[in-house]
Amino acid sequence: MPMILAAVAGIARELDLPALLDRAVKTVCEVVGARRGRLEVTGPEGGVAEYGRPGGAAAVELPVRAGERTLGTFVVEPGNGGEFGRRQREVLGALTAATGMAVEKALLVDGMRRRERWLEASYDVTRALLGAQDLRATLRLIAERARVVAGGTGGAIALPAGPGRLVFDVVEPPGEDADRLTGLTVPTEGTATGIAFTTRRPIVVRDYGEHVQNEQRDRAGSMPAMIKDLDSAISVPLIVGDETLGVLVVAKFRDKSPFTDSDVQLAETFAGHAALAVEFSRAQVARQQLAVFEDRDRIARDLHDLVIQRLFATGLGLEGVSRLISDPGVGARVAGFAQDLDGTIREIRNSIFSLQAPAQAQGSLRAELLRVAVDARDTLGFEPRVGFDGPLDAAVPDAVRSDLIASLREALTNVARHAVATSSSVEVGVDSLGRRLSLVVRDDGTGPPAEPGRRSGLANLAARAARWGGNCVLAAAEGGGSRLEWTAELPARTGEQGSA
């Protein structure tokens, strides 16, 4: 009897489920003289422990219960090819009952620890925002903490990227896999992430890699090869009131163990806390922007009313003087100065638009592109200069707009990750016929990589350009650095006649 009581006490002391299963199967086999044993707790939170590999006609199978609930099975094979006696069976039953109670306690403790970890993650996010951490860094913290706590391989935040599309704006942890997925756009229709966004409900998928590769090839374009290794994922919407801010995704790659119902419930609670924290951060940013809008508007008025008018008058004067100069060489130089002033006026007008754009409507393509450039400031370490040319808002349809915005975001991300640049410029334009869209991103960094094939982001950019009959070329820039040109052929607008 003391030996049995010691065995029960030893089993009951274990609170970690894997350690409990291992201890229980070994203890039971030693006490009853079994040759082999196998203890399995069913369900997503369960596990298996073996002492040898039991089998044969003499093996005894007993249910592991806690009250009316069956938690798993215990299979024990007697030693020396014999059978268990009555006393051994009584001891086996008592130890199995004690194991059932211990397993129930271990599962409860595991659930409590999971909830504590998710709650601690929520506190981390809130502390980061209250500590004035910028929004993008907080999104990275949300993705990383969710990944770690849920036991996933990767965590990501998908944000709206135009009508009917989402972009994976943040992917954790950093590395080659994150580089391949960052900037990837997916449709809201037919994808788990999109369904979570549109229905505002968590979506759990299992054995999803092949499905994504097959079903989304036409909708989302070329997918990274690593997607085939996606085994299971949780997609949880980030909801504040009536607005869905984005989707938190936690995924397992090359890991067959599924996420549990408890994981989903806790991730949903965490996403609710995270969404409130993000909304609070957005409100803080909005208040800070409002504080500078008046100054920006005043500066823009002064530039337009004073500087541009004077430069324009000076340019006209130089053009007049150039015609009075008898020396052709000197006259050409003066005319060149006048052209330089015209270019300066265009730059100032772009600056005026940049100052006024944050207050414009969300539907402005120019404003959206400027927001992407401003958002990239934290990762780049500087704010890229942005210029526009042509009727962007009138000529670029919504379908092309989402790819253009995603391409600019990915191009700037590539500059931040690989170029080691100190400055960058962005030029977006539409030709005079409104048929060709171009995006040019320059930087003063280390130049194009020696092995372009390793840059997965370029493949995403090229795929988006090819979707609209364009292309994407990365080359060395004159004077050093890199020059990326992305183009798209714009569809004819309604009412335009095609040429024969």
Protein backbone atom coordinates (compact mmCIF):
# COMPACT_ATOMS: atom_id res chain seq x y z
CA MET A 1 0.00 0.00 0.00
CA PRO A 2 2.74 2.60 0.78
CA MET A 3 4.23 1.94 -2.64
CA ILE A 4 0.88 2.60 -4.31
CA LEU A 5 0.29 5.78 -2.30
CA ALA A 6 3.77 7.03 -3.20
CA ALA A 7 3.06 6.31 -6.88
CA VAL A 8 -0.25 8.22 -6.75
CA ALA A 9 1.42 11.15 -4.98
CA GLY A 10 4.23 11.24 -7.53
CA ILE A 11 1.77 11.30 -10.44
CA ALA A 12 -0.38 13.99 -8.78
CA ARG A 13 2.61 16.31 -8.25
CA GLU A 14 3.23 16.77 -11.97
CA LEU A 15 1.50 19.83 -13.48
CA ASP A 16 3.20 19.84 -16.88
CA LEU A 17 1.19 17.51 -19.14
CA PRO A 18 4.04 15.92 -21.17
CA ALA A 19 6.02 15.27 -17.98
CA LEU A 20 2.90 13.91 -16.28
CA LEU A 21 2.19 11.43 -19.08
CA ASP A 22 5.79 10.22 -19.10
CA ARG A 23 5.89 9.81 -15.32
CA ALA A 24 2.47 8.12 -15.13
CA VAL A 25 3.16 5.47 -17.79
CA LYS A 26 6.55 4.55 -16.27
CA THR A 27 5.20 4.50 -12.70
CA VAL A 28 2.21 2.30 -13.56
CA CYS A 29 4.37 -0.17 -15.49
CA GLU A 30 6.85 -0.44 -12.60
CA VAL A 31 4.16 -0.86 -9.90
CA VAL A 32 2.11 -3.56 -11.67
CA GLY A 33 5.14 -5.26 -13.29
CA ALA A 34 4.08 -4.45 -16.86
CA ARG A 35 6.48 -4.95 -19.73
CA ARG A 36 5.09 -2.15 -21.91
CA GLY A 37 2.62 0.71 -21.57
CA ARG A 38 1.07 3.48 -23.59
CA LEU A 39 -0.85 6.50 -22.27
CA GLU A 40 -2.69 8.77 -24.69
CA VAL A 41 -4.70 11.89 -23.87
CA THR A 42 -6.98 12.71 -26.79
CA GLY A 43 -7.95 16.17 -28.05
CA PRO A 44 -5.88 19.05 -29.41
CA GLU A 45 -4.34 19.78 -25.98
CA GLY A 46 -3.43 16.13 -25.40
CA GLY A 47 -0.37 14.01 -26.00
CA VAL A 48 1.08 10.49 -26.00
CA ALA A 49 3.67 8.77 -23.80
CA GLU A 50 4.99 5.23 -24.33
CA TYR A 51 7.01 2.78 -22.28
CA GLY A 52 7.96 0.26 -24.92
CA ARG A 53 5.25 -0.45 -27.50
CA PRO A 54 2.39 -2.50 -26.00
CA GLY A 55 0.42 -5.02 -28.02
CA GLY A 56 -0.71 -8.63 -28.07
CA ALA A 57 -3.76 -10.44 -26.77
CA ALA A 58 -2.84 -10.03 -23.09
CA ALA A 59 -2.67 -6.18 -23.24
CA VAL A 60 -5.26 -4.40 -21.10
CA GLU A 61 -6.91 -1.14 -22.23
CA LEU A 62 -8.49 1.16 -19.65
CA PRO A 63 -10.23 4.51 -20.16
CA VAL A 64 -8.66 7.52 -18.47
CA ARG A 65 -11.55 9.51 -16.96
CA ALA A 66 -12.20 12.58 -14.87
CA GLY A 67 -15.78 12.33 -13.64
CA GLU A 68 -17.99 11.54 -16.63
CA ARG A 69 -15.43 12.89 -19.10
CA THR A 70 -13.14 10.44 -20.93
CA LEU A 71 -9.75 12.05 -21.43
CA GLY A 72 -7.91 9.21 -23.14
CA THR A 73 -6.78 5.57 -22.88
CA PHE A 74 -4.16 3.57 -20.99
CA VAL A 75 -2.85 0.39 -22.65
CA VAL A 76 -0.67 -1.90 -20.47
CA GLU A 77 0.91 -5.25 -21.39
CA PRO A 78 1.86 -7.71 -18.61
CA GLY A 79 5.41 -9.00 -18.32
CA ASN A 80 6.70 -12.52 -19.03
CA GLY A 81 3.89 -13.18 -21.52
CA GLY A 82 1.37 -13.85 -18.74
CA GLU A 83 -1.74 -12.04 -17.57
CA PHE A 84 -2.48 -9.55 -14.83
CA GLY A 85 -3.83 -11.01 -11.62
CA ARG A 86 -6.82 -9.69 -9.69
CA ARG A 87 -4.63 -7.64 -7.35
CA GLN A 88 -2.66 -6.16 -10.25
CA ARG A 89 -5.90 -5.20 -12.01
CA GLU A 90 -7.17 -3.43 -8.88
CA VAL A 91 -3.92 -1.49 -8.55
CA LEU A 92 -3.99 -0.69 -12.27
CA GLY A 93 -7.53 0.67 -11.96
CA ALA A 94 -6.61 2.83 -8.96
CA LEU A 95 -3.53 4.26 -10.66
CA THR A 96 -5.47 4.94 -13.88
CA ALA A 97 -8.14 6.81 -11.87
CA ALA A 98 -5.43 8.86 -10.15
CA THR A 99 -3.87 9.56 -13.56
CA GLY A 100 -7.24 10.81 -14.87
CA MET A 101 -7.57 13.33 -12.04
CA ALA A 102 -3.96 14.44 -12.48
CA VAL A 103 -4.43 14.89 -16.26
CA GLU A 104 -7.56 16.99 -15.66
CA LYS A 105 -5.63 19.18 -13.23
CA ALA A 106 -2.70 19.51 -15.66
CA LEU A 107 -5.08 20.55 -18.47
CA LEU A 108 -6.67 23.18 -16.20
CA VAL A 109 -3.24 24.50 -15.20
CA ASP A 110 -2.16 24.58 -18.85
CA GLY A 111 -5.29 26.57 -19.74
CA MET A 112 -4.62 29.03 -16.93
CA ARG A 113 -1.02 29.48 -18.06
CA ARG A 114 -2.15 30.10 -21.63
CA ARG A 115 -4.60 32.77 -20.49
CA GLU A 116 -1.89 34.40 -18.37
CA ARG A 117 0.48 34.50 -21.34
CA TRP A 118 -2.15 36.08 -23.60
CA LEU A 119 -3.04 38.61 -20.89
CA GLU A 120 0.63 39.47 -20.43
CA ALA A 121 0.92 39.96 -24.21
CA SER A 122 -2.02 42.38 -24.08
CA TYR A 123 -0.30 44.33 -21.32
CA ASP A 124 2.91 44.48 -23.38
CA VAL A 125 1.04 46.02 -26.32
CA THR A 126 -0.74 48.55 -24.13
CA ARG A 127 2.49 49.53 -22.36
CA ALA A 128 4.24 50.01 -25.69
CA LEU A 129 1.56 52.41 -26.93
CA LEU A 130 1.34 54.33 -23.67
CA GLY A 131 5.11 54.62 -23.82
CA ALA A 132 4.74 56.56 -27.09
CA GLN A 133 6.02 53.69 -29.25
CA ASP A 134 5.14 54.33 -32.90
CA LEU A 135 2.23 52.48 -34.50
CA ARG A 136 4.26 50.34 -36.89
CA ALA A 137 6.51 49.09 -34.11
CA THR A 138 3.39 48.28 -32.11
CA LEU A 139 1.93 46.28 -35.01
CA ARG A 140 5.17 44.29 -35.08
CA LEU A 141 4.89 43.72 -31.33
CA ILE A 142 1.28 42.50 -31.73
CA ALA A 143 2.27 40.02 -34.44
CA GLU A 144 5.33 38.75 -32.58
CA ARG A 145 3.65 38.36 -29.19
CA ALA A 146 0.68 36.53 -30.75
CA ARG A 147 3.08 34.21 -32.59
CA VAL A 148 5.06 33.34 -29.48
CA VAL A 149 2.09 32.86 -27.16
CA ALA A 150 0.11 30.76 -29.65
CA GLY A 151 3.13 28.61 -30.50
CA GLY A 152 3.09 29.62 -34.17
CA THR A 153 5.92 29.77 -36.67
CA GLY A 154 4.97 33.20 -37.98
CA GLY A 155 2.74 36.14 -37.10
CA ALA A 156 1.45 38.85 -39.42
CA ILE A 157 -0.82 41.87 -39.67
CA ALA A 158 -2.82 42.28 -42.89
CA LEU A 159 -4.19 45.76 -43.61
CA PRO A 160 -6.64 47.04 -46.25
CA ALA A 161 -4.89 47.86 -49.53
CA GLY A 162 -7.71 49.21 -51.67
CA PRO A 163 -11.09 47.77 -52.60
CA GLY A 164 -11.23 43.99 -52.22
CA ARG A 165 -7.59 43.48 -51.25
CA LEU A 166 -5.41 43.13 -48.16
CA VAL A 167 -1.64 43.52 -47.84
CA PHE A 168 0.60 41.71 -45.35
CA ASP A 169 2.14 44.89 -43.98
CA VAL A 170 3.96 43.33 -41.00
CA VAL A 171 5.42 39.80 -40.83
CA GLU A 172 7.34 38.42 -37.86
CA PRO A 173 9.93 37.16 -37.08
CA PRO A 174 12.38 38.87 -39.47
CA GLY A 175 14.19 36.69 -41.98
CA GLU A 176 13.95 35.33 -45.50
CA ASP A 177 10.41 34.02 -44.98
CA ALA A 178 9.27 37.42 -43.71
CA ASP A 179 10.92 39.12 -46.71
CA ARG A 180 8.99 36.86 -49.07
CA LEU A 181 5.63 37.55 -47.43
CA THR A 182 5.93 41.24 -46.53
CA GLY A 183 4.02 43.29 -49.08
CA LEU A 184 2.12 40.28 -50.44
CA THR A 185 -1.44 41.24 -51.39
CA VAL A 186 -4.39 38.85 -51.29
CA PRO A 187 -8.05 39.29 -52.24
CA THR A 188 -10.72 39.49 -49.57
CA GLU A 189 -12.78 37.00 -51.54
CA GLY A 190 -11.85 33.33 -51.20
CA THR A 191 -8.99 33.69 -48.69
CA ALA A 192 -9.10 32.89 -44.99
CA THR A 193 -7.62 36.30 -44.17
CA GLY A 194 -10.14 38.04 -46.40
CA ILE A 195 -13.09 36.10 -44.97
CA ALA A 196 -12.03 37.03 -41.44
CA PHE A 197 -11.86 40.67 -42.55
CA THR A 198 -15.26 40.76 -44.29
CA THR A 199 -17.23 38.58 -41.84
CA ARG A 200 -15.51 40.00 -38.73
CA ARG A 201 -15.20 36.47 -37.33
CA PRO A 202 -12.08 34.37 -36.59
CA ILE A 203 -11.20 31.77 -39.21
CA VAL A 204 -9.16 28.63 -38.51
CA VAL A 205 -7.68 26.62 -41.36
CA ARG A 206 -5.79 23.32 -41.39
CA ASP A 207 -3.69 21.69 -44.12
CA TYR A 208 -4.08 24.94 -45.97
CA GLY A 209 -0.90 25.25 -48.01
CA GLU A 210 -1.92 23.26 -51.08
CA HIS A 211 -5.36 24.88 -51.06
CA VAL A 212 -3.82 28.35 -51.12
CA GLN A 213 -1.45 27.42 -53.93
CA ASN A 214 -4.22 25.98 -56.07
CA GLU A 215 -7.15 28.27 -55.34
CA GLN A 216 -5.39 31.64 -55.09
CA ARG A 217 -3.00 31.35 -58.02
CA ASP A 218 -5.38 33.22 -60.33
CA ARG A 219 -6.83 35.57 -57.72
CA ALA A 220 -3.72 36.62 -55.82
CA GLY A 221 -1.09 36.09 -58.50
CA SER A 222 2.13 34.17 -57.99
CA MET A 223 2.45 32.96 -54.39
CA PRO A 224 5.77 32.34 -52.60
CA ALA A 225 6.81 28.68 -52.74
CA MET A 226 6.92 28.51 -48.95
CA ILE A 227 3.10 28.79 -48.83
CA LYS A 228 2.87 25.06 -49.59
CA ASP A 229 4.38 24.42 -46.13
CA LEU A 230 1.51 26.24 -44.39
CA ASP A 231 -0.20 23.66 -42.18
CA SER A 232 -2.62 25.64 -40.03
CA ALA A 233 -3.44 29.26 -39.31
CA ILE A 234 -5.69 31.50 -37.23
CA SER A 235 -7.00 34.69 -38.85
CA VAL A 236 -8.58 37.06 -36.31
CA PRO A 237 -10.09 40.44 -37.26
CA LEU A 238 -8.92 43.55 -35.43
CA ILE A 239 -12.25 45.23 -34.66
CA VAL A 240 -13.06 48.55 -33.03
CA GLY A 241 -16.76 49.42 -33.04
CA ASP A 242 -18.05 49.24 -36.61
CA GLU A 243 -14.57 49.37 -38.17
CA THR A 244 -12.32 46.45 -39.04
CA LEU A 245 -8.76 47.75 -38.85
CA GLY A 246 -7.10 44.64 -40.28
CA VAL A 247 -6.46 40.98 -39.55
CA LEU A 248 -4.06 39.32 -37.11
CA VAL A 249 -2.71 36.06 -38.55
CA VAL A 250 -0.77 33.38 -36.67
CA ALA A 251 0.44 30.47 -38.79
CA LYS A 252 2.33 27.21 -38.44
CA PHE A 253 4.70 26.20 -41.21
CA ARG A 254 5.99 22.63 -41.32
CA ASP A 255 4.14 21.91 -38.06
CA LYS A 256 1.18 19.50 -38.18
CA SER A 257 -0.12 20.15 -34.64
CA PRO A 258 -3.35 22.15 -35.07
CA PHE A 259 -4.40 25.24 -33.17
CA THR A 260 -6.95 24.45 -30.46
CA ASP A 261 -10.36 26.02 -29.81
CA SER A 262 -8.81 27.56 -26.71
CA ASP A 263 -6.06 29.13 -28.86
CA VAL A 264 -8.70 30.70 -31.08
CA GLN A 265 -10.74 32.10 -28.18
CA LEU A 266 -7.68 33.57 -26.48
CA ALA A 267 -6.34 34.99 -29.77
CA GLU A 268 -9.73 36.65 -30.37
CA THR A 269 -9.64 38.26 -26.92
CA PHE A 270 -6.06 39.41 -27.49
CA ALA A 271 -7.02 40.84 -30.90
CA GLY A 272 -9.79 42.84 -29.25
CA HIS A 273 -7.34 44.36 -26.76
CA ALA A 274 -4.78 44.96 -29.51
CA ALA A 275 -7.35 46.67 -31.76
CA LEU A 276 -8.32 49.05 -28.95
CA ALA A 277 -4.65 49.84 -28.37
CA VAL A 278 -4.12 50.48 -32.10
CA GLU A 279 -7.19 52.73 -32.25
CA PHE A 280 -5.89 54.66 -29.24
CA SER A 281 -2.55 55.07 -31.03
CA ARG A 282 -4.30 56.25 -34.19
CA ALA A 283 -6.25 58.81 -32.15
CA GLN A 284 -3.01 60.10 -30.65
CA VAL A 285 -1.47 60.41 -34.11
CA ALA A 286 -4.59 62.21 -35.36
CA ARG A 287 -4.38 64.73 -32.52
CA GLN A 288 -0.72 65.37 -33.27
CA GLN A 289 -1.50 65.84 -36.96
CA LEU A 290 -4.28 68.27 -36.19
CA ALA A 291 -1.82 70.30 -34.14
CA VAL A 292 0.41 70.86 -37.20
CA PHE A 293 -2.24 71.19 -39.94
CA GLU A 294 -2.70 74.91 -39.34
CA ASP A 295 1.04 75.56 -39.67
CA ARG A 296 1.20 73.43 -42.79
CA ASP A 297 -1.71 75.29 -44.34
CA ARG A 298 -0.11 78.65 -43.52
CA ILE A 299 3.22 77.55 -45.02
CA ALA A 300 1.47 76.27 -48.15
CA ARG A 301 -0.37 79.59 -48.60
CA ASP A 302 2.85 81.55 -48.18
CA LEU A 303 4.67 79.36 -50.71
CA HIS A 304 1.90 79.74 -53.24
CA ASP A 305 1.12 83.41 -52.76
CA LEU A 306 4.66 84.71 -52.34
CA VAL A 307 7.39 82.35 -53.49
CA ILE A 308 5.79 80.83 -56.59
CA GLN A 309 4.51 84.19 -57.85
CA ARG A 310 7.96 85.75 -57.51
CA LEU A 311 9.71 82.82 -59.16
CA PHE A 312 7.19 82.86 -62.00
CA ALA A 313 7.74 86.56 -62.56
CA THR A 314 11.52 86.07 -62.47
CA GLY A 315 11.25 83.24 -65.01
CA LEU A 316 9.20 85.40 -67.39
CA GLY A 317 11.76 88.17 -67.01
CA LEU A 318 14.64 85.84 -67.83
CA GLU A 319 12.84 84.54 -70.92
CA GLY A 320 12.36 88.13 -72.09
CA VAL A 321 15.98 89.01 -71.44
CA SER A 322 17.21 85.92 -73.31
CA ARG A 323 15.58 87.18 -76.50
CA LEU A 324 17.41 90.52 -76.21
CA ILE A 325 20.88 88.99 -75.83
CA SER A 326 22.84 88.97 -79.08
CA ASP A 327 25.29 86.26 -78.02
CA PRO A 328 23.48 82.91 -78.70
CA GLY A 329 25.49 81.08 -76.07
CA VAL A 330 24.64 83.54 -73.32
CA GLY A 331 21.01 83.65 -74.44
CA ALA A 332 20.77 79.85 -74.26
CA ARG A 333 22.23 79.86 -70.76
CA VAL A 334 19.72 82.45 -69.57
CA ALA A 335 16.88 80.48 -71.16
CA GLY A 336 18.20 77.39 -69.34
CA PHE A 337 18.01 79.28 -66.05
CA ALA A 338 14.38 80.08 -66.84
CA GLN A 339 13.68 76.38 -67.42
CA ASP A 340 15.36 75.55 -64.12
CA LEU A 341 13.01 77.99 -62.41
CA ASP A 342 10.04 76.21 -64.04
CA GLY A 343 11.28 72.93 -62.60
CA THR A 344 11.69 74.58 -59.19
CA ILE A 345 8.12 75.86 -59.38
CA ARG A 346 6.87 72.32 -60.06
CA GLU A 347 8.84 71.01 -57.08
CA ILE A 348 7.38 73.68 -54.83
CA ARG A 349 3.87 72.88 -56.04
CA ASN A 350 4.47 69.22 -55.17
CA SER A 351 5.65 70.35 -51.74
CA ILE A 352 2.51 72.44 -51.33
CA PHE A 353 0.41 69.40 -52.18
CA SER A 354 2.41 67.32 -49.70
CA LEU A 355 1.68 69.85 -46.99
CA GLN A 356 -2.04 69.90 -47.73
CA ALA A 357 -2.56 66.21 -48.58
CA PRO A 358 -3.09 64.84 -45.02
CA ALA A 359 -6.24 66.92 -44.71
CA GLN A 360 -7.67 65.72 -48.02
CA ALA A 361 -10.26 63.02 -48.50
CA GLN A 362 -9.27 59.37 -48.13
CA GLY A 363 -10.17 58.74 -51.79
CA SER A 364 -7.28 60.80 -53.20
CA LEU A 365 -4.65 58.55 -54.77
CA ARG A 366 -1.98 61.20 -54.28
CA ALA A 367 -2.84 61.40 -50.59
CA GLU A 368 -2.71 57.61 -50.25
CA LEU A 369 0.72 57.47 -51.89
CA LEU A 370 1.96 60.23 -49.62
CA ARG A 371 0.69 58.33 -46.59
CA VAL A 372 2.68 55.27 -47.69
CA ALA A 373 5.79 57.43 -47.95
CA VAL A 374 5.17 58.97 -44.51
CA ASP A 375 4.55 55.50 -43.00
CA ALA A 376 7.89 54.32 -44.39
CA ARG A 377 9.75 57.06 -42.52
CA ASP A 378 10.25 54.96 -39.38
CA THR A 379 11.76 51.97 -41.19
CA LEU A 380 13.84 54.06 -43.61
CA GLY A 381 15.11 56.54 -41.03
CA PHE A 382 14.08 59.43 -43.29
CA GLU A 383 11.03 60.55 -45.26
CA PRO A 384 11.33 60.00 -49.03
CA ARG A 385 10.65 62.93 -51.36
CA VAL A 386 7.52 62.37 -53.47
CA GLY A 387 6.60 63.95 -56.80
CA PHE A 388 3.57 63.56 -59.09
CA ASP A 389 2.90 64.21 -62.75
CA GLY A 390 -0.30 63.82 -64.73
CA PRO A 391 -3.97 63.13 -63.87
CA LEU A 392 -3.41 60.32 -61.37
CA ASP A 393 -6.78 60.41 -59.64
CA ALA A 394 -8.72 60.63 -62.90
CA ALA A 395 -6.69 58.13 -64.96
CA VAL A 396 -5.84 55.32 -62.50
CA PRO A 397 -8.78 52.92 -61.84
CA ASP A 398 -9.29 51.31 -58.43
CA ALA A 399 -8.01 47.90 -59.56
CA VAL A 400 -4.66 49.36 -60.66
CA ARG A 401 -4.57 51.76 -57.71
CA SER A 402 -4.33 48.94 -55.15
CA ASP A 403 -1.39 47.36 -57.00
CA LEU A 404 0.35 50.74 -57.32
CA ILE A 405 0.05 51.44 -53.59
CA ALA A 406 1.20 47.93 -52.67
CA SER A 407 4.13 48.23 -55.10
CA LEU A 408 5.27 51.54 -53.60
CA ARG A 409 5.03 50.08 -50.11
CA GLU A 410 7.10 47.05 -51.11
CA ALA A 411 9.65 49.14 -53.02
CA LEU A 412 10.25 51.35 -49.97
CA THR A 413 10.40 48.27 -47.74
CA ASN A 414 13.12 46.85 -50.00
CA VAL A 415 15.06 50.11 -49.75
CA ALA A 416 14.82 49.97 -45.95
CA ARG A 417 15.88 46.31 -45.76
CA HIS A 418 18.62 46.14 -48.36
CA ALA A 419 19.83 49.49 -49.70
CA VAL A 420 21.49 51.07 -46.62
CA ALA A 421 20.33 54.40 -48.04
CA THR A 422 20.25 57.89 -46.52
CA SER A 423 17.77 59.41 -48.97
CA SER A 424 15.18 58.29 -51.48
CA SER A 425 12.81 59.84 -53.99
CA VAL A 426 9.51 58.67 -55.46
CA GLU A 427 8.06 59.86 -58.76
CA VAL A 428 4.59 58.75 -59.87
CA GLY A 429 3.19 59.85 -63.20
CA VAL A 430 0.70 59.24 -65.98
CA ASP A 431 1.56 60.10 -69.58
CA SER A 432 -0.30 62.80 -71.54
CA LEU A 433 -2.66 60.23 -73.10
CA GLY A 434 -3.57 58.74 -69.72
CA ARG A 435 -2.53 55.28 -70.87
CA ARG A 436 0.78 54.55 -69.11
CA LEU A 437 1.42 54.69 -65.37
CA SER A 438 4.96 54.78 -64.02
CA LEU A 439 6.45 54.56 -60.54
CA VAL A 440 10.15 55.38 -60.13
CA VAL A 441 11.90 54.90 -56.77
CA ARG A 442 15.51 56.06 -56.42
CA ASP A 443 17.89 55.73 -53.49
CA ASP A 444 21.51 56.58 -52.73
CA GLY A 445 22.30 53.21 -51.17
CA THR A 446 24.59 50.33 -52.07
CA GLY A 447 23.02 49.68 -55.46
CA PRO A 448 21.29 46.59 -56.91
CA PRO A 449 22.19 43.22 -55.39
CA ALA A 450 24.77 41.03 -57.07
CA GLU A 451 22.22 38.20 -57.14
CA PRO A 452 18.84 39.74 -58.08
CA GLY A 453 17.11 36.37 -57.91
CA ARG A 454 17.39 36.38 -54.13
CA ARG A 455 15.17 39.45 -53.81
CA SER A 456 11.70 37.93 -53.50
CA GLY A 457 10.13 41.39 -53.21
CA LEU A 458 11.13 42.10 -56.82
CA ALA A 459 9.18 39.05 -57.94
CA ASN A 460 6.06 40.42 -56.24
CA LEU A 461 6.59 43.81 -57.88
CA ALA A 462 7.09 42.21 -61.30
CA ALA A 463 3.97 40.08 -60.90
CA ARG A 464 1.83 43.14 -60.11
CA ALA A 465 3.24 45.04 -63.09
CA ALA A 466 2.73 42.07 -65.42
CA ARG A 467 -0.92 41.90 -64.36
CA TRP A 468 -1.39 45.25 -66.14
CA GLY A 469 0.89 44.67 -69.10
CA GLY A 470 3.83 46.49 -67.56
CA ASN A 471 7.18 45.50 -66.10
CA CYS A 472 9.53 46.20 -63.22
CA VAL A 473 13.24 46.92 -63.65
CA LEU A 474 15.84 47.49 -60.92
CA ALA A 475 19.10 48.99 -62.11
CA ALA A 476 22.03 51.03 -60.87
CA ALA A 477 21.21 54.73 -60.68
CA GLU A 478 23.38 57.38 -62.29
CA GLY A 479 25.71 58.69 -59.63
CA GLY A 480 25.24 55.65 -57.37
CA GLY A 481 22.44 53.86 -55.62
CA SER A 482 19.50 52.11 -57.27
CA ARG A 483 16.66 53.06 -59.59
CA LEU A 484 13.51 50.95 -59.68
CA GLU A 485 10.96 51.61 -62.42
CA TRP A 486 7.53 49.96 -62.24
CA THR A 487 5.03 50.49 -65.08
CA ALA A 488 1.46 49.56 -65.90
CA GLU A 489 -0.67 50.02 -68.99
CA LEU A 490 -3.91 51.74 -67.99
CA PRO A 491 -7.21 50.48 -69.43
CA ALA A 492 -9.08 52.88 -71.71
CA ARG A 493 -11.55 55.04 -69.84
CA THR A 494 -15.26 54.85 -70.56
CA GLY A 495 -16.17 56.81 -73.68
CA GLU A 496 -12.69 56.64 -75.27
CA GLN A 497 -12.49 55.20 -78.80
CA GLY A 498 -9.87 52.62 -79.57
CA SER A 499 -7.67 53.03 -82.62
CA ALA A 500 -7.91 50.61 -85.52
